[in-house]
Amino acid sequence: MWILILEAMAAFFLLAFIVWWTMYAGRKPAPPAQKQLENQQKSTEKLK
């Protein structure tokens, strides 16, 4: 019985760790050329 409880706890903590790891990874900053392109796209969307 204890083995099942320990296995369930290990699975839960592993799942929580994976969710935490992916949640706070965030987007990597874009290179300057890509940022400039995104800013141009945003400004053209505002004009529509």
PDB file of N, CA and C in Angstrom:
ATOM      1  N   MET A   1       0.827  -1.200   0.000  1.00  0.00           N
ATOM      2  CA  MET A   1       0.000   0.000   0.000  1.00  0.00           C
ATOM      3  C   MET A   1       0.865   1.256   0.000  1.00  0.00           C
ATOM      4  N   TRP A   2       1.910   1.235   0.830  1.00  0.00           N
ATOM      5  CA  TRP A   2       2.784   2.405   0.903  1.00  0.00           C
ATOM      6  C   TRP A   2       3.483   2.665  -0.424  1.00  0.00           C
ATOM      7  N   ILE A   3       3.783   1.593  -1.141  1.00  0.00           N
ATOM      8  CA  ILE A   3       4.456   1.744  -2.428  1.00  0.00           C
ATOM      9  C   ILE A   3       3.550   2.471  -3.421  1.00  0.00           C
ATOM     10  N   LEU A   4       2.264   2.150  -3.408  1.00  0.00           N
ATOM     11  CA  LEU A   4       1.330   2.830  -4.300  1.00  0.00           C
ATOM     12  C   LEU A   4       1.211   4.305  -3.958  1.00  0.00           C
ATOM     13  N   ILE A   5       1.177   4.618  -2.678  1.00  0.00           N
ATOM     14  CA  ILE A   5       1.087   6.020  -2.250  1.00  0.00           C
ATOM     15  C   ILE A   5       2.352   6.777  -2.653  1.00  0.00           C
ATOM     16  N   LEU A   6       3.512   6.161  -2.436  1.00  0.00           N
ATOM     17  CA  LEU A   6       4.767   6.811  -2.830  1.00  0.00           C
ATOM     18  C   LEU A   6       4.847   7.002  -4.337  1.00  0.00           C
ATOM     19  N   GLU A   7       4.389   6.026  -5.092  1.00  0.00           N
ATOM     20  CA  GLU A   7       4.409   6.140  -6.550  1.00  0.00           C
ATOM     21  C   GLU A   7       3.463   7.240  -7.019  1.00  0.00           C
ATOM     22  N   ALA A   8       2.297   7.335  -6.420  1.00  0.00           N
ATOM     23  CA  ALA A   8       1.345   8.387  -6.780  1.00  0.00           C
ATOM     24  C   ALA A   8       1.908   9.763  -6.440  1.00  0.00           C
ATOM     25  N   MET A   9       2.552   9.879  -5.292  1.00  0.00           N
ATOM     26  CA  MET A   9       3.153  11.167  -4.904  1.00  0.00           C
ATOM     27  C   MET A   9       4.282  11.540  -5.855  1.00  0.00           C
ATOM     28  N   ALA A  10       5.104  10.575  -6.238  1.00  0.00           N
ATOM     29  CA  ALA A  10       6.199  10.844  -7.170  1.00  0.00           C
ATOM     30  C   ALA A  10       5.654  11.292  -8.522  1.00  0.00           C
ATOM     31  N   ALA A  11       4.596  10.652  -8.991  1.00  0.00           N
ATOM     32  CA  ALA A  11       3.991  11.037 -10.267  1.00  0.00           C
ATOM     33  C   ALA A  11       3.406  12.443 -10.185  1.00  0.00           C
ATOM     34  N   PHE A  12       2.756  12.763  -9.082  1.00  0.00           N
ATOM     35  CA  PHE A  12       2.185  14.094  -8.905  1.00  0.00           C
ATOM     36  C   PHE A  12       3.272  15.158  -8.889  1.00  0.00           C
ATOM     37  N   PHE A  13       4.341  14.919  -8.137  1.00  0.00           N
ATOM     38  CA  PHE A  13       5.408  15.917  -8.075  1.00  0.00           C
ATOM     39  C   PHE A  13       6.136  16.056  -9.404  1.00  0.00           C
ATOM     40  N   LEU A  14       6.269  14.969 -10.134  1.00  0.00           N
ATOM     41  CA  LEU A  14       6.876  15.045 -11.456  1.00  0.00           C
ATOM     42  C   LEU A  14       6.000  15.874 -12.396  1.00  0.00           C
ATOM     43  N   LEU A  15       4.709  15.646 -12.360  1.00  0.00           N
ATOM     44  CA  LEU A  15       3.784  16.437 -13.178  1.00  0.00           C
ATOM     45  C   LEU A  15       3.839  17.907 -12.792  1.00  0.00           C
ATOM     46  N   ALA A  16       3.823  18.192 -11.496  1.00  0.00           N
ATOM     47  CA  ALA A  16       3.881  19.583 -11.042  1.00  0.00           C
ATOM     48  C   ALA A  16       5.189  20.245 -11.466  1.00  0.00           C
ATOM     49  N   PHE A  17       6.291  19.512 -11.408  1.00  0.00           N
ATOM     50  CA  PHE A  17       7.579  20.063 -11.822  1.00  0.00           C
ATOM     51  C   PHE A  17       7.590  20.378 -13.314  1.00  0.00           C
ATOM     52  N   ILE A  18       7.042  19.477 -14.127  1.00  0.00           N
ATOM     53  CA  ILE A  18       7.007  19.721 -15.571  1.00  0.00           C
ATOM     54  C   ILE A  18       6.153  20.940 -15.890  1.00  0.00           C
ATOM     55  N   VAL A  19       5.005  21.067 -15.243  1.00  0.00           N
ATOM     56  CA  VAL A  19       4.148  22.232 -15.470  1.00  0.00           C
ATOM     57  C   VAL A  19       4.855  23.503 -15.035  1.00  0.00           C
ATOM     58  N   TRP A  20       5.492  23.483 -13.864  1.00  0.00           N
ATOM     59  CA  TRP A  20       6.215  24.661 -13.377  1.00  0.00           C
ATOM     60  C   TRP A  20       7.350  25.028 -14.328  1.00  0.00           C
ATOM     61  N   TRP A  21       8.081  24.049 -14.803  1.00  0.00           N
ATOM     62  CA  TRP A  21       9.233  24.287 -15.683  1.00  0.00           C
ATOM     63  C   TRP A  21       8.787  24.940 -16.998  1.00  0.00           C
ATOM     64  N   THR A  22       7.686  24.447 -17.572  1.00  0.00           N
ATOM     65  CA  THR A  22       7.233  24.994 -18.842  1.00  0.00           C
ATOM     66  C   THR A  22       6.514  26.328 -18.660  1.00  0.00           C
ATOM     67  N   MET A  23       5.910  26.542 -17.519  1.00  0.00           N
ATOM     68  CA  MET A  23       5.176  27.783 -17.287  1.00  0.00           C
ATOM     69  C   MET A  23       6.110  28.980 -17.214  1.00  0.00           C
ATOM     70  N   TYR A  24       7.240  28.819 -16.574  1.00  0.00           N
ATOM     71  CA  TYR A  24       8.135  29.941 -16.369  1.00  0.00           C
ATOM     72  C   TYR A  24       9.275  29.985 -17.375  1.00  0.00           C
ATOM     73  N   ALA A  25       9.248  29.137 -18.405  1.00  0.00           N
ATOM     74  CA  ALA A  25      10.299  29.182 -19.419  1.00  0.00           C
ATOM     75  C   ALA A  25      10.174  30.470 -20.223  1.00  0.00           C
ATOM     76  N   GLY A  26       8.961  30.855 -20.588  1.00  0.00           N
ATOM     77  CA  GLY A  26       8.730  32.102 -21.307  1.00  0.00           C
ATOM     78  C   GLY A  26       9.273  32.071 -22.724  1.00  0.00           C
ATOM     79  N   ARG A  27       8.951  33.125 -23.453  1.00  0.00           N
ATOM     80  CA  ARG A  27       9.465  33.247 -24.808  1.00  0.00           C
ATOM     81  C   ARG A  27      10.857  33.846 -24.773  1.00  0.00           C
ATOM     82  N   LYS A  28      11.691  33.375 -25.669  1.00  0.00           N
ATOM     83  CA  LYS A  28      13.028  33.941 -25.789  1.00  0.00           C
ATOM     84  C   LYS A  28      12.918  35.280 -26.524  1.00  0.00           C
ATOM     85  N   PRO A  29      13.759  36.245 -26.172  1.00  0.00           N
ATOM     86  CA  PRO A  29      13.695  37.532 -26.881  1.00  0.00           C
ATOM     87  C   PRO A  29      14.018  37.353 -28.374  1.00  0.00           C
ATOM     88  N   ALA A  30      13.256  38.025 -29.196  1.00  0.00           N
ATOM     89  CA  ALA A  30      13.447  37.910 -30.638  1.00  0.00           C
ATOM     90  C   ALA A  30      14.673  38.717 -31.070  1.00  0.00           C
ATOM     91  N   PRO A  31      15.303  38.298 -32.152  1.00  0.00           N
ATOM     92  CA  PRO A  31      16.411  39.095 -32.684  1.00  0.00           C
ATOM     93  C   PRO A  31      15.913  40.472 -33.120  1.00  0.00           C
ATOM     94  N   PRO A  32      16.786  41.462 -33.177  1.00  0.00           N
ATOM     95  CA  PRO A  32      16.334  42.826 -33.520  1.00  0.00           C
ATOM     96  C   PRO A  32      15.588  42.912 -34.849  1.00  0.00           C
ATOM     97  N   ALA A  33      16.008  42.174 -35.862  1.00  0.00           N
ATOM     98  CA  ALA A  33      15.321  42.238 -37.159  1.00  0.00           C
ATOM     99  C   ALA A  33      13.895  41.734 -37.028  1.00  0.00           C
ATOM    100  N   GLN A  34      13.697  40.700 -36.267  1.00  0.00           N
ATOM    101  CA  GLN A  34      12.355  40.157 -36.100  1.00  0.00           C
ATOM    102  C   GLN A  34      11.491  41.111 -35.279  1.00  0.00           C
ATOM    103  N   LYS A  35      12.065  41.753 -34.276  1.00  0.00           N
ATOM    104  CA  LYS A  35      11.304  42.722 -33.487  1.00  0.00           C
ATOM    105  C   LYS A  35      10.824  43.870 -34.364  1.00  0.00           C
ATOM    106  N   GLN A  36      11.691  44.306 -35.257  1.00  0.00           N
ATOM    107  CA  GLN A  36      11.331  45.406 -36.138  1.00  0.00           C
ATOM    108  C   GLN A  36      10.175  44.989 -37.044  1.00  0.00           C
ATOM    109  N   LEU A  37      10.225  43.761 -37.559  1.00  0.00           N
ATOM    110  CA  LEU A  37       9.157  43.254 -38.417  1.00  0.00           C
ATOM    111  C   LEU A  37       7.849  43.151 -37.644  1.00  0.00           C
ATOM    112  N   GLU A  38       7.907  42.669 -36.409  1.00  0.00           N
ATOM    113  CA  GLU A  38       6.694  42.554 -35.591  1.00  0.00           C
ATOM    114  C   GLU A  38       6.107  43.926 -35.302  1.00  0.00           C
ATOM    115  N   ASN A  39       6.957  44.915 -35.026  1.00  0.00           N
ATOM    116  CA  ASN A  39       6.470  46.265 -34.763  1.00  0.00           C
ATOM    117  C   ASN A  39       5.791  46.849 -35.991  1.00  0.00           C
ATOM    118  N   GLN A  40       6.322  46.565 -37.175  1.00  0.00           N
ATOM    119  CA  GLN A  40       5.699  47.044 -38.393  1.00  0.00           C
ATOM    120  C   GLN A  40       4.329  46.391 -38.591  1.00  0.00           C
ATOM    121  N   GLN A  41       4.239  45.111 -38.299  1.00  0.00           N
ATOM    122  CA  GLN A  41       2.965  44.417 -38.445  1.00  0.00           C
ATOM    123  C   GLN A  41       1.938  44.960 -37.470  1.00  0.00           C
ATOM    124  N   LYS A  42       2.355  45.242 -36.246  1.00  0.00           N
ATOM    125  CA  LYS A  42       1.430  45.775 -35.246  1.00  0.00           C
ATOM    126  C   LYS A  42       0.940  47.157 -35.649  1.00  0.00           C
ATOM    127  N   SER A  43       1.837  47.991 -36.190  1.00  0.00           N
ATOM    128  CA  SER A  43       1.425  49.340 -36.562  1.00  0.00           C
ATOM    129  C   SER A  43       0.475  49.309 -37.752  1.00  0.00           C
ATOM    130  N   THR A  44       0.660  48.366 -38.690  1.00  0.00           N
ATOM    131  CA  THR A  44      -0.275  48.272 -39.808  1.00  0.00           C
ATOM    132  C   THR A  44      -1.617  47.728 -39.355  1.00  0.00           C
ATOM    133  N   GLU A  45      -1.636  46.877 -38.321  1.00  0.00           N
ATOM    134  CA  GLU A  45      -2.905  46.375 -37.809  1.00  0.00           C
ATOM    135  C   GLU A  45      -3.685  47.493 -37.121  1.00  0.00           C
ATOM    136  N   LYS A  46      -2.997  48.421 -36.500  1.00  0.00           N
ATOM    137  CA  LYS A  46      -3.672  49.529 -35.822  1.00  0.00           C
ATOM    138  C   LYS A  46      -4.340  50.445 -36.825  1.00  0.00           C
ATOM    139  N   LEU A  47      -3.763  50.563 -38.013  1.00  0.00           N
ATOM    140  CA  LEU A  47      -4.311  51.457 -39.024  1.00  0.00           C
ATOM    141  C   LEU A  47      -5.579  50.897 -39.669  1.00  0.00           C
ATOM    142  N   LYS A  48      -5.777  49.590 -39.602  1.00  0.00           N
ATOM    143  CA  LYS A  48      -6.941  48.970 -40.246  1.00  0.00           C
ATOM    144  C   LYS A  48      -8.210  49.284 -39.518  1.00  0.00           C
TER     145      LYS A  48
END
